[in-house]
Amino acid sequence: MWGWHGPWWGFYGGWWNPYPYYAAPYFWLTDYLISQQLQAAYAANYAAAENAHADEMAADAAASDAAAAGNPPPPADASAGGTPLSPELKDAIAQEVKAQLAAQQQQAQQDSAPAPAASAAPAAAQAPPPALDPAQRTFIVNADLTVVSNGQECALSSGDVLTRLTDTPDADQTVNASVSASKNADCAAGSTVAVKVDDLQEMFNHFQETIQNGMSEMAKKQGSNGMPAAPDTGTTQSSVPNPSADPNAAADLQQQQQQANQAQADVQQQAASSGGGTQ
């Protein structure tokens, strides 16, 4: 429902399934996030299959017949091999989405607050990139990527899931990650791979961007056909009531002004009695 259909849906049916219902908006956003990555993977694989088919036709043009001129074959079935998304892994992704929504709401509240002191800027500038945040462990691959596992290269494709294992980059600016879910012909699930920090950061940035797009979709369709309401990441009014106005404030200000006027009059009177001169 709500977009989980099309040829990519049948292709990955044995690898991923959406939640049967959505108890909270971040569950729908989790399915949206995964579906967008799988659609991208399907499009890339189909384009590769089409190019391979075209090369094969060109090389074997003399022997081709009418059947060879048909549509290119789809890429190999993703469900025939690989390790699908487990419920536990999908829940880990959902928790990352939930945390991201909370971070966006907190950022919106900070943006509306007074600017922090200048002394806090150097510490923020030295902070590690979000991809190395110890609280950020689960990453969804957003594009075809070649990584190294046990000295051998292997491939990752859009939709595969990594769990970062180390927080500190090595001399090559890579960190270790475990392949938590992968599709047919990709790096084997359970293997440890070295991933560039820049690639992880790109996954994180794409993760944020896709969540924003998903929230826009929810805002358009929320409340219809069981679609959950879009989460509110804006500022909310505090539960603490505003302090009441001081009923004596006006009288106090008037009394202070009268005292100031009297003090000024006394000074002028003293100056007049002493002859008005100054030393």
C-alpha atoms as a PDB file:
ATOM      1  CA  MET A   1       0.000   0.000   0.000  1.00  0.00           C
ATOM      2  CA  TRP A   2       0.920   3.672  -0.357  1.00  0.00           C
ATOM      3  CA  GLY A   3       3.466   3.058  -3.066  1.00  0.00           C
ATOM      4  CA  TRP A   4       4.713  -0.450  -2.223  1.00  0.00           C
ATOM      5  CA  HIS A   5       4.057  -1.762  -5.722  1.00  0.00           C
ATOM      6  CA  GLY A   6       5.616  -1.971  -9.157  1.00  0.00           C
ATOM      7  CA  PRO A   7       8.119  -4.392 -10.718  1.00  0.00           C
ATOM      8  CA  TRP A   8      10.708  -3.653  -8.025  1.00  0.00           C
ATOM      9  CA  TRP A   9       8.173  -4.747  -5.397  1.00  0.00           C
ATOM     10  CA  GLY A  10       7.776  -8.205  -6.873  1.00  0.00           C
ATOM     11  CA  PHE A  11      11.526  -8.427  -7.423  1.00  0.00           C
ATOM     12  CA  TYR A  12      12.353  -7.810  -3.758  1.00  0.00           C
ATOM     13  CA  GLY A  13       9.270  -9.494  -2.309  1.00  0.00           C
ATOM     14  CA  GLY A  14      11.334 -12.270  -0.768  1.00  0.00           C
ATOM     15  CA  TRP A  15      13.887  -9.858   0.682  1.00  0.00           C
ATOM     16  CA  TRP A  16      11.783  -7.148   2.322  1.00  0.00           C
ATOM     17  CA  ASN A  17       8.184  -6.755   3.420  1.00  0.00           C
ATOM     18  CA  PRO A  18       6.538  -3.628   4.846  1.00  0.00           C
ATOM     19  CA  TYR A  19       4.885  -3.509   8.241  1.00  0.00           C
ATOM     20  CA  PRO A  20       1.298  -4.847   8.231  1.00  0.00           C
ATOM     21  CA  TYR A  21       0.160  -1.609   9.903  1.00  0.00           C
ATOM     22  CA  TYR A  22       1.759   1.566  11.260  1.00  0.00           C
ATOM     23  CA  ALA A  23       1.481   2.266  14.960  1.00  0.00           C
ATOM     24  CA  ALA A  24       3.583   5.420  14.627  1.00  0.00           C
ATOM     25  CA  PRO A  25       4.782   7.670  11.790  1.00  0.00           C
ATOM     26  CA  TYR A  26       8.398   6.512  12.032  1.00  0.00           C
ATOM     27  CA  PHE A  27       7.368   2.967  11.105  1.00  0.00           C
ATOM     28  CA  TRP A  28       5.921   4.217   7.822  1.00  0.00           C
ATOM     29  CA  LEU A  29       9.024   6.350   7.258  1.00  0.00           C
ATOM     30  CA  THR A  30      11.156   3.244   7.780  1.00  0.00           C
ATOM     31  CA  ASP A  31       9.295   1.398   5.024  1.00  0.00           C
ATOM     32  CA  TYR A  32       9.492   4.488   2.823  1.00  0.00           C
ATOM     33  CA  LEU A  33      13.247   4.729   3.373  1.00  0.00           C
ATOM     34  CA  ILE A  34      13.857   1.074   2.521  1.00  0.00           C
ATOM     35  CA  SER A  35      11.535   1.117  -0.479  1.00  0.00           C
ATOM     36  CA  GLN A  36      13.279   4.133  -1.986  1.00  0.00           C
ATOM     37  CA  GLN A  37      16.641   2.381  -1.736  1.00  0.00           C
ATOM     38  CA  LEU A  38      15.311  -0.818  -3.282  1.00  0.00           C
ATOM     39  CA  GLN A  39      13.701   1.070  -6.144  1.00  0.00           C
ATOM     40  CA  ALA A  40      17.057   2.717  -6.824  1.00  0.00           C
ATOM     41  CA  ALA A  41      18.803  -0.683  -6.742  1.00  0.00           C
ATOM     42  CA  TYR A  42      16.247  -2.182  -9.119  1.00  0.00           C
ATOM     43  CA  ALA A  43      16.610   0.697 -11.570  1.00  0.00           C
ATOM     44  CA  ALA A  44      20.412   0.375 -11.523  1.00  0.00           C
ATOM     45  CA  ASN A  45      20.284  -3.401 -12.003  1.00  0.00           C
ATOM     46  CA  TYR A  46      17.744  -3.131 -14.803  1.00  0.00           C
ATOM     47  CA  ALA A  47      19.866  -0.562 -16.598  1.00  0.00           C
ATOM     48  CA  ALA A  48      22.899  -2.840 -16.259  1.00  0.00           C
ATOM     49  CA  ALA A  49      20.900  -5.793 -17.612  1.00  0.00           C
ATOM     50  CA  GLU A  50      19.681  -3.679 -20.509  1.00  0.00           C
ATOM     51  CA  ASN A  51      23.225  -2.619 -21.383  1.00  0.00           C
ATOM     52  CA  ALA A  52      24.457  -6.210 -21.161  1.00  0.00           C
ATOM     53  CA  HIS A  53      21.594  -7.317 -23.392  1.00  0.00           C
ATOM     54  CA  ALA A  54      22.466  -4.634 -25.932  1.00  0.00           C
ATOM     55  CA  ASP A  55      26.115  -5.707 -25.951  1.00  0.00           C
ATOM     56  CA  GLU A  56      25.106  -9.323 -26.416  1.00  0.00           C
ATOM     57  CA  MET A  57      22.843  -8.418 -29.337  1.00  0.00           C
ATOM     58  CA  ALA A  58      25.620  -6.399 -30.972  1.00  0.00           C
ATOM     59  CA  ALA A  59      28.109  -9.248 -30.601  1.00  0.00           C
ATOM     60  CA  ASP A  60      25.669 -11.835 -31.893  1.00  0.00           C
ATOM     61  CA  ALA A  61      23.765  -9.712 -34.407  1.00  0.00           C
ATOM     62  CA  ALA A  62      24.149 -12.269 -37.163  1.00  0.00           C
ATOM     63  CA  ALA A  63      22.453 -14.995 -35.139  1.00  0.00           C
ATOM     64  CA  SER A  64      19.781 -12.862 -33.518  1.00  0.00           C
ATOM     65  CA  ASP A  65      16.138 -13.460 -34.272  1.00  0.00           C
ATOM     66  CA  ALA A  66      12.878 -11.747 -33.490  1.00  0.00           C
ATOM     67  CA  ALA A  67      12.838 -13.027 -29.925  1.00  0.00           C
ATOM     68  CA  ALA A  68      16.223 -11.475 -29.229  1.00  0.00           C
ATOM     69  CA  ALA A  69      14.836  -8.078 -30.129  1.00  0.00           C
ATOM     70  CA  GLY A  70      12.390  -8.136 -27.212  1.00  0.00           C
ATOM     71  CA  ASN A  71      12.674  -6.451 -23.845  1.00  0.00           C
ATOM     72  CA  PRO A  72      15.904  -7.009 -21.906  1.00  0.00           C
ATOM     73  CA  PRO A  73      15.679  -9.610 -19.177  1.00  0.00           C
ATOM     74  CA  PRO A  74      15.284  -8.315 -15.611  1.00  0.00           C
ATOM     75  CA  PRO A  75      18.212  -8.642 -13.242  1.00  0.00           C
ATOM     76  CA  ALA A  76      18.617 -11.862 -11.316  1.00  0.00           C
ATOM     77  CA  ASP A  77      16.020 -12.398  -8.611  1.00  0.00           C
ATOM     78  CA  ALA A  78      17.203 -10.783  -5.392  1.00  0.00           C
ATOM     79  CA  SER A  79      15.380 -13.384  -3.311  1.00  0.00           C
ATOM     80  CA  ALA A  80      17.511 -16.166  -4.851  1.00  0.00           C
ATOM     81  CA  GLY A  81      20.357 -15.762  -2.376  1.00  0.00           C
ATOM     82  CA  GLY A  82      21.496 -13.012  -0.065  1.00  0.00           C
ATOM     83  CA  THR A  83      20.268 -12.352   3.458  1.00  0.00           C
ATOM     84  CA  PRO A  84      16.930 -10.540   3.805  1.00  0.00           C
ATOM     85  CA  LEU A  85      16.017  -7.903   6.354  1.00  0.00           C
ATOM     86  CA  SER A  86      15.152  -9.583   9.653  1.00  0.00           C
ATOM     87  CA  PRO A  87      12.479  -8.093  11.932  1.00  0.00           C
ATOM     88  CA  GLU A  88      15.210  -7.224  14.451  1.00  0.00           C
ATOM     89  CA  LEU A  89      17.306  -5.395  11.868  1.00  0.00           C
ATOM     90  CA  LYS A  90      14.301  -3.548  10.523  1.00  0.00           C
ATOM     91  CA  ASP A  91      13.444  -2.463  14.071  1.00  0.00           C
ATOM     92  CA  ALA A  92      17.006  -1.136  14.425  1.00  0.00           C
ATOM     93  CA  ILE A  93      16.446   0.975  11.309  1.00  0.00           C
ATOM     94  CA  ALA A  94      13.119   2.186  12.707  1.00  0.00           C
ATOM     95  CA  GLN A  95      14.857   3.284  15.896  1.00  0.00           C
ATOM     96  CA  GLU A  96      17.383   5.246  13.835  1.00  0.00           C
ATOM     97  CA  VAL A  97      14.494   6.966  12.051  1.00  0.00           C
ATOM     98  CA  LYS A  98      12.806   7.722  15.370  1.00  0.00           C
ATOM     99  CA  ALA A  99      16.043   9.176  16.761  1.00  0.00           C
ATOM    100  CA  GLN A 100      16.478  11.314  13.654  1.00  0.00           C
ATOM    101  CA  LEU A 101      12.985  12.755  14.024  1.00  0.00           C
ATOM    102  CA  ALA A 102      13.718  13.581  17.668  1.00  0.00           C
ATOM    103  CA  ALA A 103      17.001  15.241  16.647  1.00  0.00           C
ATOM    104  CA  GLN A 104      15.197  17.354  14.050  1.00  0.00           C
ATOM    105  CA  GLN A 105      12.670  18.481  16.628  1.00  0.00           C
ATOM    106  CA  GLN A 106      15.445  19.355  19.071  1.00  0.00           C
ATOM    107  CA  GLN A 107      17.279  21.280  16.348  1.00  0.00           C
ATOM    108  CA  ALA A 108      14.129  23.239  15.549  1.00  0.00           C
ATOM    109  CA  GLN A 109      13.833  24.209  19.210  1.00  0.00           C
ATOM    110  CA  GLN A 110      17.496  25.235  19.353  1.00  0.00           C
ATOM    111  CA  ASP A 111      17.099  27.360  16.223  1.00  0.00           C
ATOM    112  CA  SER A 112      14.360  29.321  17.977  1.00  0.00           C
ATOM    113  CA  ALA A 113      16.481  29.805  21.118  1.00  0.00           C
ATOM    114  CA  PRO A 114      19.151  32.510  21.627  1.00  0.00           C
ATOM    115  CA  ALA A 115      22.502  31.830  19.970  1.00  0.00           C
ATOM    116  CA  PRO A 116      25.030  29.985  22.166  1.00  0.00           C
ATOM    117  CA  ALA A 117      28.064  31.717  23.574  1.00  0.00           C
ATOM    118  CA  ALA A 118      31.029  32.141  21.237  1.00  0.00           C
ATOM    119  CA  SER A 119      33.185  29.955  23.512  1.00  0.00           C
ATOM    120  CA  ALA A 120      31.089  26.902  22.529  1.00  0.00           C
ATOM    121  CA  ALA A 121      31.967  27.216  18.824  1.00  0.00           C
ATOM    122  CA  PRO A 122      35.483  25.641  18.938  1.00  0.00           C
ATOM    123  CA  ALA A 123      34.180  22.482  20.658  1.00  0.00           C
ATOM    124  CA  ALA A 124      31.412  22.095  18.049  1.00  0.00           C
ATOM    125  CA  ALA A 125      33.926  22.573  15.238  1.00  0.00           C
ATOM    126  CA  GLN A 126      35.994  19.646  16.553  1.00  0.00           C
ATOM    127  CA  ALA A 127      33.044  17.266  16.830  1.00  0.00           C
ATOM    128  CA  PRO A 128      33.259  14.101  14.674  1.00  0.00           C
ATOM    129  CA  PRO A 129      30.957  13.783  11.659  1.00  0.00           C
ATOM    130  CA  PRO A 130      27.468  12.403  12.359  1.00  0.00           C
ATOM    131  CA  ALA A 131      28.431   9.146  10.626  1.00  0.00           C
ATOM    132  CA  LEU A 132      30.815   8.433  13.522  1.00  0.00           C
ATOM    133  CA  ASP A 133      28.369   9.307  16.278  1.00  0.00           C
ATOM    134  CA  PRO A 134      28.436   6.329  18.693  1.00  0.00           C
ATOM    135  CA  ALA A 135      24.636   6.454  18.770  1.00  0.00           C
ATOM    136  CA  GLN A 136      24.456   6.106  14.959  1.00  0.00           C
ATOM    137  CA  ARG A 137      25.222   2.482  14.135  1.00  0.00           C
ATOM    138  CA  THR A 138      22.900   1.318  11.379  1.00  0.00           C
ATOM    139  CA  PHE A 139      23.387   2.530   7.805  1.00  0.00           C
ATOM    140  CA  ILE A 140      21.497   1.785   4.599  1.00  0.00           C
ATOM    141  CA  VAL A 141      23.682   1.737   1.502  1.00  0.00           C
ATOM    142  CA  ASN A 142      22.457   4.405  -0.902  1.00  0.00           C
ATOM    143  CA  ALA A 143      24.466   3.560  -4.045  1.00  0.00           C
ATOM    144  CA  ASP A 144      26.634   0.819  -5.525  1.00  0.00           C
ATOM    145  CA  LEU A 145      29.825   0.611  -3.512  1.00  0.00           C
ATOM    146  CA  THR A 146      32.974  -1.520  -3.541  1.00  0.00           C
ATOM    147  CA  VAL A 147      34.453  -2.340  -0.129  1.00  0.00           C
ATOM    148  CA  VAL A 148      37.193  -4.634   1.174  1.00  0.00           C
ATOM    149  CA  SER A 149      36.583  -7.736   3.273  1.00  0.00           C
ATOM    150  CA  ASN A 150      39.519  -9.875   4.407  1.00  0.00           C
ATOM    151  CA  GLY A 151      41.713  -8.340   1.741  1.00  0.00           C
ATOM    152  CA  GLN A 152      39.198  -9.062  -1.033  1.00  0.00           C
ATOM    153  CA  GLU A 153      36.888  -6.617  -2.746  1.00  0.00           C
ATOM    154  CA  CYS A 154      33.146  -7.199  -2.699  1.00  0.00           C
ATOM    155  CA  ALA A 155      30.147  -5.159  -3.756  1.00  0.00           C
ATOM    156  CA  LEU A 156      27.330  -3.473  -1.901  1.00  0.00           C
ATOM    157  CA  SER A 157      24.203  -2.115  -3.554  1.00  0.00           C
ATOM    158  CA  SER A 158      21.446   0.293  -2.629  1.00  0.00           C
ATOM    159  CA  GLY A 159      19.342  -1.158   0.173  1.00  0.00           C
ATOM    160  CA  ASP A 160      22.038  -3.307   1.785  1.00  0.00           C
ATOM    161  CA  VAL A 161      22.409  -2.633   5.510  1.00  0.00           C
ATOM    162  CA  LEU A 162      25.633  -2.066   7.458  1.00  0.00           C
ATOM    163  CA  THR A 163      26.249  -1.919  11.197  1.00  0.00           C
ATOM    164  CA  ARG A 164      29.284   0.176  12.078  1.00  0.00           C
ATOM    165  CA  LEU A 165      31.626  -1.621  14.487  1.00  0.00           C
ATOM    166  CA  THR A 166      34.396   0.918  15.127  1.00  0.00           C
ATOM    167  CA  ASP A 167      34.226   4.648  15.847  1.00  0.00           C
ATOM    168  CA  THR A 168      37.783   5.780  15.123  1.00  0.00           C
ATOM    169  CA  PRO A 169      39.020   5.874  11.493  1.00  0.00           C
ATOM    170  CA  ASP A 170      42.346   4.288  10.604  1.00  0.00           C
ATOM    171  CA  ALA A 171      45.104   5.923   8.572  1.00  0.00           C
ATOM    172  CA  ASP A 172      43.081   5.364   5.390  1.00  0.00           C
ATOM    173  CA  GLN A 173      40.018   7.049   6.917  1.00  0.00           C
ATOM    174  CA  THR A 174      38.066   3.819   7.026  1.00  0.00           C
ATOM    175  CA  VAL A 175      36.111   2.130   9.808  1.00  0.00           C
ATOM    176  CA  ASN A 176      34.938  -1.443  10.187  1.00  0.00           C
ATOM    177  CA  ALA A 177      31.332  -2.404   9.638  1.00  0.00           C
ATOM    178  CA  SER A 178      29.400  -5.643   9.589  1.00  0.00           C
ATOM    179  CA  VAL A 179      27.171  -6.495   6.637  1.00  0.00           C
ATOM    180  CA  SER A 180      23.821  -7.026   8.351  1.00  0.00           C
ATOM    181  CA  ALA A 181      21.701  -7.643   5.245  1.00  0.00           C
ATOM    182  CA  SER A 182      22.698  -8.006   1.616  1.00  0.00           C
ATOM    183  CA  LYS A 183      21.222  -9.060  -1.671  1.00  0.00           C
ATOM    184  CA  ASN A 184      22.261 -11.736  -4.119  1.00  0.00           C
ATOM    185  CA  ALA A 185      25.867 -11.313  -5.381  1.00  0.00           C
ATOM    186  CA  ASP A 186      26.653  -8.612  -2.779  1.00  0.00           C
ATOM    187  CA  CYS A 187      29.042  -8.941   0.171  1.00  0.00           C
ATOM    188  CA  ALA A 188      27.987 -11.849   2.343  1.00  0.00           C
ATOM    189  CA  ALA A 189      25.959 -11.022   5.425  1.00  0.00           C
ATOM    190  CA  GLY A 190      28.007 -11.315   8.592  1.00  0.00           C
ATOM    191  CA  SER A 191      31.261 -10.342   6.901  1.00  0.00           C
ATOM    192  CA  THR A 192      33.311  -7.433   8.225  1.00  0.00           C
ATOM    193  CA  VAL A 193      34.152  -4.770   5.666  1.00  0.00           C
ATOM    194  CA  ALA A 194      36.270  -1.625   5.677  1.00  0.00           C
ATOM    195  CA  VAL A 195      34.173   1.395   4.669  1.00  0.00           C
ATOM    196  CA  LYS A 196      35.357   4.925   3.983  1.00  0.00           C
ATOM    197  CA  VAL A 197      34.055   7.478   6.476  1.00  0.00           C
ATOM    198  CA  ASP A 198      33.045   9.694   3.540  1.00  0.00           C
ATOM    199  CA  ASP A 199      30.892   6.869   2.155  1.00  0.00           C
ATOM    200  CA  LEU A 200      29.221   6.383   5.534  1.00  0.00           C
ATOM    201  CA  GLN A 201      28.593  10.113   5.771  1.00  0.00           C
ATOM    202  CA  GLU A 202      27.020  10.059   2.312  1.00  0.00           C
ATOM    203  CA  MET A 203      24.715   7.261   3.487  1.00  0.00           C
ATOM    204  CA  PHE A 204      23.807   9.326   6.543  1.00  0.00           C
ATOM    205  CA  ASN A 205      23.114  12.444   4.451  1.00  0.00           C
ATOM    206  CA  HIS A 206      20.955  10.448   2.050  1.00  0.00           C
ATOM    207  CA  PHE A 207      19.160   8.921   5.038  1.00  0.00           C
ATOM    208  CA  GLN A 208      18.242  12.402   6.294  1.00  0.00           C
ATOM    209  CA  GLU A 209      17.202  13.604   2.847  1.00  0.00           C
ATOM    210  CA  THR A 210      14.969  10.591   2.267  1.00  0.00           C
ATOM    211  CA  ILE A 211      13.285  11.057   5.651  1.00  0.00           C
ATOM    212  CA  GLN A 212      12.519  14.674   4.725  1.00  0.00           C
ATOM    213  CA  ASN A 213      11.002  13.522   1.421  1.00  0.00           C
ATOM    214  CA  GLY A 214       8.987  10.884   3.266  1.00  0.00           C
ATOM    215  CA  MET A 215       7.631  13.455   5.688  1.00  0.00           C
ATOM    216  CA  SER A 216       6.497  15.564   2.736  1.00  0.00           C
ATOM    217  CA  GLU A 217       4.677  12.541   1.320  1.00  0.00           C
ATOM    218  CA  MET A 218       3.035  11.868   4.665  1.00  0.00           C
ATOM    219  CA  ALA A 219       1.921  15.479   4.942  1.00  0.00           C
ATOM    220  CA  LYS A 220       0.137  15.150   1.591  1.00  0.00           C
ATOM    221  CA  LYS A 221      -1.620  11.874   2.416  1.00  0.00           C
ATOM    222  CA  GLN A 222      -1.858  11.786   6.214  1.00  0.00           C
ATOM    223  CA  GLY A 223      -5.091  10.517   7.664  1.00  0.00           C
ATOM    224  CA  SER A 224      -6.202   8.852   4.400  1.00  0.00           C
ATOM    225  CA  ASN A 225      -6.450   5.087   3.951  1.00  0.00           C
ATOM    226  CA  GLY A 226      -4.898   4.472   7.346  1.00  0.00           C
ATOM    227  CA  MET A 227      -1.855   6.654   6.669  1.00  0.00           C
ATOM    228  CA  PRO A 228      -0.435   7.919   9.993  1.00  0.00           C
ATOM    229  CA  ALA A 229      -0.189  11.631  10.638  1.00  0.00           C
ATOM    230  CA  ALA A 230       3.129  13.251   9.795  1.00  0.00           C
ATOM    231  CA  PRO A 231       5.358  13.853  12.831  1.00  0.00           C
ATOM    232  CA  ASP A 232       5.682  17.405  14.080  1.00  0.00           C
ATOM    233  CA  THR A 233       9.337  18.455  14.149  1.00  0.00           C
ATOM    234  CA  GLY A 234       8.580  22.098  14.884  1.00  0.00           C
ATOM    235  CA  THR A 235       8.635  23.851  18.206  1.00  0.00           C
ATOM    236  CA  THR A 236       5.900  23.231  20.760  1.00  0.00           C
ATOM    237  CA  GLN A 237       4.626  25.456  23.532  1.00  0.00           C
ATOM    238  CA  SER A 238       6.092  24.675  26.912  1.00  0.00           C
ATOM    239  CA  SER A 239       3.868  23.026  29.517  1.00  0.00           C
ATOM    240  CA  VAL A 240       5.147  25.569  32.051  1.00  0.00           C
ATOM    241  CA  PRO A 241       2.741  28.559  32.089  1.00  0.00           C
ATOM    242  CA  ASN A 242       4.087  32.016  31.375  1.00  0.00           C
ATOM    243  CA  PRO A 243       4.716  34.101  34.533  1.00  0.00           C
ATOM    244  CA  SER A 244       1.954  36.539  35.389  1.00  0.00           C
ATOM    245  CA  ALA A 245       2.581  40.283  35.171  1.00  0.00           C
ATOM    246  CA  ASP A 246       3.614  42.111  38.362  1.00  0.00           C
ATOM    247  CA  PRO A 247       0.569  44.217  39.395  1.00  0.00           C
ATOM    248  CA  ASN A 248       2.824  46.703  41.238  1.00  0.00           C
ATOM    249  CA  ALA A 249       5.261  47.225  38.361  1.00  0.00           C
ATOM    250  CA  ALA A 250       3.604  50.404  37.053  1.00  0.00           C
ATOM    251  CA  ALA A 251       3.389  51.962  40.524  1.00  0.00           C
ATOM    252  CA  ASP A 252       7.027  51.113  41.254  1.00  0.00           C
ATOM    253  CA  LEU A 253       8.190  52.699  38.013  1.00  0.00           C
ATOM    254  CA  GLN A 254       6.164  55.836  38.747  1.00  0.00           C
ATOM    255  CA  GLN A 255       7.639  56.074  42.257  1.00  0.00           C
ATOM    256  CA  GLN A 256      11.188  55.668  40.877  1.00  0.00           C
ATOM    257  CA  GLN A 257      10.558  58.442  38.361  1.00  0.00           C
ATOM    258  CA  GLN A 258       9.228  60.755  41.111  1.00  0.00           C
ATOM    259  CA  GLN A 259      12.306  60.074  43.249  1.00  0.00           C
ATOM    260  CA  ALA A 260      14.568  60.846  40.305  1.00  0.00           C
ATOM    261  CA  ASN A 261      12.738  64.112  39.631  1.00  0.00           C
ATOM    262  CA  GLN A 262      13.003  65.078  43.320  1.00  0.00           C
ATOM    263  CA  ALA A 263      16.742  64.300  43.386  1.00  0.00           C
ATOM    264  CA  GLN A 264      17.266  66.487  40.322  1.00  0.00           C
ATOM    265  CA  ALA A 265      15.278  69.329  41.912  1.00  0.00           C
ATOM    266  CA  ASP A 266      17.338  69.101  45.125  1.00  0.00           C
ATOM    267  CA  VAL A 267      20.581  69.362  43.154  1.00  0.00           C
ATOM    268  CA  GLN A 268      19.340  72.408  41.270  1.00  0.00           C
ATOM    269  CA  GLN A 269      18.210  74.058  44.526  1.00  0.00           C
ATOM    270  CA  GLN A 270      21.600  73.492  46.179  1.00  0.00           C
ATOM    271  CA  ALA A 271      23.369  74.917  43.155  1.00  0.00           C
ATOM    272  CA  ALA A 272      21.171  78.048  43.244  1.00  0.00           C
ATOM    273  CA  SER A 273      21.741  78.617  46.966  1.00  0.00           C
ATOM    274  CA  SER A 274      25.529  78.409  46.530  1.00  0.00           C
ATOM    275  CA  GLY A 275      25.521  81.077  43.827  1.00  0.00           C
ATOM    276  CA  GLY A 276      25.166  78.807  40.795  1.00  0.00           C
ATOM    277  CA  GLY A 277      28.911  78.590  40.232  1.00  0.00           C
ATOM    278  CA  THR A 278      30.949  75.456  39.582  1.00  0.00           C
ATOM    279  CA  GLN A 279      34.558  74.688  40.435  1.00  0.00           C
END
